[in-house]
C-alpha atoms as a PDB file:
ATOM      1  CA  MET A   1      -9.482 -20.259 -41.274  1.00  0.00           C
ATOM      2  CA  SER A   2      -5.929 -19.176 -40.346  1.00  0.00           C
ATOM      3  CA  PHE A   3      -7.093 -15.537 -40.441  1.00  0.00           C
ATOM      4  CA  LEU A   4      -9.685 -16.318 -37.754  1.00  0.00           C
ATOM      5  CA  VAL A   5      -7.059 -18.026 -35.560  1.00  0.00           C
ATOM      6  CA  LEU A   6      -4.756 -15.013 -35.993  1.00  0.00           C
ATOM      7  CA  ILE A   7      -7.552 -12.633 -34.938  1.00  0.00           C
ATOM      8  CA  LEU A   8      -8.347 -14.792 -31.883  1.00  0.00           C
ATOM      9  CA  LEU A   9      -4.674 -14.892 -30.834  1.00  0.00           C
ATOM     10  CA  LEU A  10      -4.367 -11.143 -31.247  1.00  0.00           C
ATOM     11  CA  ALA A  11      -7.527 -10.556 -29.210  1.00  0.00           C
ATOM     12  CA  ALA A  12      -6.254 -12.889 -26.468  1.00  0.00           C
ATOM     13  CA  ALA A  13      -2.894 -11.051 -26.357  1.00  0.00           C
ATOM     14  CA  VAL A  14      -4.628  -7.670 -26.065  1.00  0.00           C
ATOM     15  CA  TYR A  15      -6.902  -8.980 -23.289  1.00  0.00           C
ATOM     16  CA  VAL A  16      -4.007 -10.464 -21.302  1.00  0.00           C
ATOM     17  CA  GLY A  17      -2.004  -7.251 -21.694  1.00  0.00           C
ATOM     18  CA  TRP A  18      -4.948  -5.164 -20.515  1.00  0.00           C
ATOM     19  CA  ARG A  19      -5.400  -7.387 -17.441  1.00  0.00           C
ATOM     20  CA  VAL A  20      -1.697  -7.148 -16.554  1.00  0.00           C
ATOM     21  CA  VAL A  21      -1.716  -3.353 -16.808  1.00  0.00           C
ATOM     22  CA  LYS A  22      -4.884  -3.141 -14.724  1.00  0.00           C
ATOM     23  CA  ALA A  23      -3.464  -5.477 -12.048  1.00  0.00           C
ATOM     24  CA  ARG A  24      -0.275  -3.389 -11.735  1.00  0.00           C
ATOM     25  CA  ALA A  25      -2.274  -0.173 -11.353  1.00  0.00           C
ATOM     26  CA  ASP A  26      -4.251  -1.614  -8.413  1.00  0.00           C
ATOM     27  CA  ARG A  27      -1.157  -2.405  -6.348  1.00  0.00           C
ATOM     28  CA  PRO A  28      -0.721  -0.321  -3.220  1.00  0.00           C
ATOM     29  CA  LYS A  29       1.921   2.346  -3.534  1.00  0.00           C
ATOM     30  CA  ARG A  30       5.020   2.216  -1.365  1.00  0.00           C
ATOM     31  CA  ARG A  31       4.817   4.416   1.695  1.00  0.00           C
ATOM     32  CA  THR A  32       7.315   7.243   1.858  1.00  0.00           C
ATOM     33  CA  ILE A  33       8.610   8.005   5.325  1.00  0.00           C
ATOM     34  CA  GLY A  34       9.169  11.701   5.799  1.00  0.00           C
ATOM     35  CA  PRO A  35      10.482  13.847   8.622  1.00  0.00           C
ATOM     36  CA  ASP A  36       6.975  14.322  10.010  1.00  0.00           C
ATOM     37  CA  ASP A  37       6.964  10.599  10.912  1.00  0.00           C
ATOM     38  CA  ASP A  38       9.850  11.139  13.347  1.00  0.00           C
ATOM     39  CA  PRO A  39       8.650  12.572  16.701  1.00  0.00           C
ATOM     40  CA  GLU A  40      12.212  13.456  17.787  1.00  0.00           C
ATOM     41  CA  PHE A  41      12.690  15.527  14.640  1.00  0.00           C
ATOM     42  CA  LEU A  42       9.477  17.439  15.327  1.00  0.00           C
ATOM     43  CA  TRP A  43      10.501  17.960  18.951  1.00  0.00           C
ATOM     44  CA  ARG A  44      13.879  19.387  17.826  1.00  0.00           C
ATOM     45  CA  LEU A  45      12.062  21.790  15.499  1.00  0.00           C
ATOM     46  CA  ASN A  46      10.027  23.135  18.417  1.00  0.00           C
ATOM     47  CA  HIS A  47      13.053  23.259  20.775  1.00  0.00           C
ATOM     48  CA  PRO A  48      16.046  24.424  18.709  1.00  0.00           C
ATOM     49  CA  ASP A  49      18.142  25.372  21.773  1.00  0.00           C
ATOM     50  CA  ASN A  50      18.156  21.783  23.128  1.00  0.00           C
ATOM     51  CA  LYS A  51      20.497  19.316  21.462  1.00  0.00           C
ATOM     52  CA  PRO A  52      19.476  15.653  21.245  1.00  0.00           C
ATOM     53  CA  ARG A  53      21.111  13.277  23.707  1.00  0.00           C
ATOM     54  CA  SER A  54      23.669  11.093  21.959  1.00  0.00           C
END
């Protein structure tokens, strides 16, 4: 009887672990902000002779 309980506990632990891993994989990834998200940076690339106002 204790062998059956041990098998059930092991199966429950594997199931819970699988659900946790699957839930973490479905999370949205963090968005990386790059230089192409900055319109002033792109403008400076196209107009290298003009310095930004600061």
